[in-house]
Structure formats: structure tokens, C-alpha cells
Amino acid sequence: MMTIPDLISPRKISHDVRDRLIELIQGDGMTPGTPIPSERELMAKYGVGRPAIREAMQQLQLMGLITIRH
């Protein structure tokens, strides 16, 4: 028999990273054009892999909070 916790899907790591980056951007009062830390720095800071960082960054771009430059 399934219980309520079994029915709840686990939260994606990239969503946690996204939320932390939103706090970084909004909490530090970053102004437009201020660079955020590099992927490598974010990987080390949050202890996650590059795919989670990239997915979080894509979500932030879709939300209009950042612009990704290559």
C-alpha cells in the first residue's frame, strides 16, 4: 500500500539551486549587469554537478532574472 510520502515526487536538485540563486540575486541587491559566480564556483558552493547548475540557470533565464552569455 502506498503512503502519502510515496506519492510526493522528490524535489529536483536544480529547483533548490534555482531558489538559492534567486536569494543570491534578490537578497544581495544585485544590479543588472552584475555577474553571478561561474558554474564551477556554484558547483563547489552548492555541492552539485554541472547539469543541475545549468538547468537552474536556464530556469532563471526563462523567468527573466538573468541573461546567459556564451
N, C-alpha and C. Protein backbone atom coordinates (compact mmCIF):
# COMPACT_ATOMS: atom_id res chain seq x y z
N MET A 1 0.83 -1.18 0.00
CA MET A 1 0.00 0.00 0.00
C MET A 1 0.88 1.25 0.00
N MET A 2 0.54 2.22 -0.85
CA MET A 2 1.32 3.45 -0.93
C MET A 2 0.86 4.43 0.14
N THR A 3 1.82 5.12 0.69
CA THR A 3 1.50 6.15 1.69
C THR A 3 1.64 7.52 1.04
N ILE A 4 1.20 8.53 1.72
CA ILE A 4 1.27 9.89 1.19
C ILE A 4 2.69 10.27 0.78
N PRO A 5 3.72 10.04 1.62
CA PRO A 5 5.07 10.40 1.18
C PRO A 5 5.50 9.69 -0.10
N ASP A 6 5.00 8.47 -0.35
CA ASP A 6 5.36 7.76 -1.56
C ASP A 6 4.78 8.45 -2.80
N LEU A 7 3.70 9.16 -2.63
CA LEU A 7 3.04 9.81 -3.76
C LEU A 7 3.64 11.17 -4.09
N ILE A 8 4.40 11.73 -3.18
CA ILE A 8 5.01 13.04 -3.39
C ILE A 8 6.33 12.83 -4.12
N SER A 9 6.47 13.50 -5.27
CA SER A 9 7.71 13.34 -6.02
C SER A 9 8.81 14.17 -5.37
N PRO A 10 10.03 13.66 -5.40
CA PRO A 10 11.12 14.41 -4.79
C PRO A 10 11.40 15.69 -5.57
N ARG A 11 11.80 16.71 -4.87
CA ARG A 11 12.11 18.00 -5.48
C ARG A 11 13.42 17.87 -6.23
N LYS A 12 13.47 18.45 -7.42
CA LYS A 12 14.68 18.38 -8.21
C LYS A 12 15.78 19.24 -7.59
N ILE A 13 16.99 18.76 -7.67
CA ILE A 13 18.14 19.50 -7.14
C ILE A 13 18.24 20.86 -7.81
N SER A 14 17.97 20.90 -9.11
CA SER A 14 18.08 22.18 -9.83
C SER A 14 17.09 23.21 -9.29
N HIS A 15 15.95 22.76 -8.76
CA HIS A 15 14.99 23.70 -8.19
C HIS A 15 15.54 24.30 -6.90
N ASP A 16 16.23 23.49 -6.11
CA ASP A 16 16.86 24.01 -4.89
C ASP A 16 17.94 25.03 -5.25
N VAL A 17 18.75 24.70 -6.26
CA VAL A 17 19.81 25.61 -6.71
C VAL A 17 19.18 26.90 -7.24
N ARG A 18 18.13 26.76 -8.04
CA ARG A 18 17.43 27.94 -8.58
C ARG A 18 16.96 28.85 -7.45
N ASP A 19 16.35 28.27 -6.43
CA ASP A 19 15.84 29.07 -5.32
C ASP A 19 16.98 29.76 -4.56
N ARG A 20 18.09 29.08 -4.40
CA ARG A 20 19.24 29.70 -3.74
C ARG A 20 19.81 30.83 -4.57
N LEU A 21 19.83 30.65 -5.89
CA LEU A 21 20.33 31.71 -6.76
C LEU A 21 19.39 32.92 -6.77
N ILE A 22 18.10 32.67 -6.69
CA ILE A 22 17.14 33.78 -6.59
C ILE A 22 17.42 34.57 -5.32
N GLU A 23 17.67 33.87 -4.22
CA GLU A 23 18.00 34.56 -2.96
C GLU A 23 19.29 35.36 -3.11
N LEU A 24 20.28 34.79 -3.80
CA LEU A 24 21.55 35.48 -4.03
C LEU A 24 21.32 36.75 -4.84
N ILE A 25 20.55 36.63 -5.91
CA ILE A 25 20.31 37.76 -6.80
C ILE A 25 19.49 38.84 -6.11
N GLN A 26 18.40 38.45 -5.50
CA GLN A 26 17.49 39.43 -4.89
C GLN A 26 17.97 39.87 -3.51
N GLY A 27 18.52 38.95 -2.75
CA GLY A 27 18.95 39.26 -1.40
C GLY A 27 20.17 40.17 -1.34
N ASP A 28 21.07 40.00 -2.30
CA ASP A 28 22.27 40.83 -2.34
C ASP A 28 22.03 42.13 -3.09
N GLY A 29 20.82 42.30 -3.61
CA GLY A 29 20.50 43.52 -4.33
C GLY A 29 21.37 43.71 -5.56
N MET A 30 21.62 42.63 -6.27
CA MET A 30 22.45 42.71 -7.47
C MET A 30 21.79 43.61 -8.50
N THR A 31 22.58 44.42 -9.15
CA THR A 31 22.07 45.30 -10.18
C THR A 31 22.26 44.64 -11.54
N PRO A 32 21.47 45.05 -12.54
CA PRO A 32 21.64 44.47 -13.88
C PRO A 32 23.09 44.63 -14.36
N GLY A 33 23.60 43.56 -14.93
CA GLY A 33 24.97 43.57 -15.43
C GLY A 33 25.98 43.00 -14.45
N THR A 34 25.58 42.82 -13.20
CA THR A 34 26.47 42.23 -12.21
C THR A 34 26.59 40.74 -12.49
N PRO A 35 27.81 40.25 -12.72
CA PRO A 35 27.94 38.81 -13.00
C PRO A 35 27.69 37.96 -11.76
N ILE A 36 27.05 36.82 -11.97
CA ILE A 36 26.90 35.86 -10.89
C ILE A 36 28.12 34.95 -10.92
N PRO A 37 28.38 34.20 -9.87
CA PRO A 37 29.54 33.31 -9.86
C PRO A 37 29.52 32.33 -11.05
N SER A 38 30.69 31.86 -11.41
CA SER A 38 30.82 30.92 -12.53
C SER A 38 30.17 29.58 -12.19
N GLU A 39 29.93 28.77 -13.22
CA GLU A 39 29.37 27.43 -13.00
C GLU A 39 30.24 26.65 -12.03
N ARG A 40 31.53 26.73 -12.22
CA ARG A 40 32.47 25.98 -11.38
C ARG A 40 32.36 26.43 -9.91
N GLU A 41 32.27 27.75 -9.71
CA GLU A 41 32.13 28.27 -8.34
C GLU A 41 30.81 27.83 -7.71
N LEU A 42 29.74 27.86 -8.51
CA LEU A 42 28.43 27.45 -8.00
C LEU A 42 28.41 25.96 -7.69
N MET A 43 29.07 25.15 -8.52
CA MET A 43 29.15 23.71 -8.27
C MET A 43 29.83 23.45 -6.93
N ALA A 44 30.92 24.17 -6.67
CA ALA A 44 31.65 23.99 -5.41
C ALA A 44 30.83 24.51 -4.23
N LYS A 45 30.18 25.65 -4.41
CA LYS A 45 29.41 26.27 -3.32
C LYS A 45 28.23 25.40 -2.89
N TYR A 46 27.51 24.84 -3.88
CA TYR A 46 26.29 24.09 -3.57
C TYR A 46 26.48 22.59 -3.58
N GLY A 47 27.66 22.12 -3.96
CA GLY A 47 27.95 20.69 -3.94
C GLY A 47 27.11 19.88 -4.92
N VAL A 48 26.87 20.45 -6.09
CA VAL A 48 26.08 19.77 -7.12
C VAL A 48 26.86 19.73 -8.42
N GLY A 49 26.37 18.95 -9.37
CA GLY A 49 27.02 18.82 -10.66
C GLY A 49 26.61 19.92 -11.64
N ARG A 50 27.37 19.98 -12.73
CA ARG A 50 27.12 20.99 -13.76
C ARG A 50 25.70 20.93 -14.33
N PRO A 51 25.13 19.74 -14.58
CA PRO A 51 23.76 19.71 -15.13
C PRO A 51 22.74 20.43 -14.25
N ALA A 52 22.85 20.28 -12.93
CA ALA A 52 21.91 20.96 -12.03
C ALA A 52 22.09 22.47 -12.09
N ILE A 53 23.33 22.92 -12.18
CA ILE A 53 23.61 24.36 -12.28
C ILE A 53 23.05 24.90 -13.59
N ARG A 54 23.31 24.20 -14.68
CA ARG A 54 22.83 24.67 -15.99
C ARG A 54 21.31 24.70 -16.07
N GLU A 55 20.66 23.69 -15.51
CA GLU A 55 19.20 23.67 -15.52
C GLU A 55 18.64 24.83 -14.69
N ALA A 56 19.25 25.08 -13.55
CA ALA A 56 18.81 26.20 -12.70
C ALA A 56 19.00 27.52 -13.43
N MET A 57 20.12 27.68 -14.12
CA MET A 57 20.39 28.92 -14.86
C MET A 57 19.38 29.10 -16.00
N GLN A 58 19.03 28.01 -16.67
CA GLN A 58 18.04 28.10 -17.74
C GLN A 58 16.69 28.53 -17.18
N GLN A 59 16.34 28.02 -16.02
CA GLN A 59 15.08 28.41 -15.38
C GLN A 59 15.09 29.89 -15.03
N LEU A 60 16.22 30.38 -14.52
CA LEU A 60 16.33 31.80 -14.17
C LEU A 60 16.23 32.68 -15.42
N GLN A 61 16.80 32.19 -16.52
CA GLN A 61 16.71 32.95 -17.76
C GLN A 61 15.26 33.01 -18.25
N LEU A 62 14.56 31.89 -18.17
CA LEU A 62 13.15 31.87 -18.58
C LEU A 62 12.30 32.78 -17.69
N MET A 63 12.71 32.94 -16.44
CA MET A 63 11.99 33.81 -15.51
C MET A 63 12.35 35.29 -15.73
N GLY A 64 13.35 35.53 -16.57
CA GLY A 64 13.76 36.90 -16.85
C GLY A 64 14.69 37.50 -15.81
N LEU A 65 15.27 36.66 -14.95
CA LEU A 65 16.15 37.16 -13.89
C LEU A 65 17.60 37.30 -14.33
N ILE A 66 18.01 36.50 -15.31
CA ILE A 66 19.39 36.57 -15.79
C ILE A 66 19.40 36.46 -17.31
N THR A 67 20.53 36.86 -17.88
CA THR A 67 20.80 36.65 -19.30
C THR A 67 22.05 35.80 -19.37
N ILE A 68 21.97 34.70 -20.09
CA ILE A 68 23.12 33.81 -20.23
C ILE A 68 23.91 34.25 -21.46
N ARG A 69 25.19 34.51 -21.25
CA ARG A 69 26.08 34.90 -22.35
C ARG A 69 27.08 33.78 -22.57
N HIS A 70 27.30 33.46 -23.81
CA HIS A 70 28.26 32.39 -24.13
C HIS A 70 29.53 32.97 -24.68
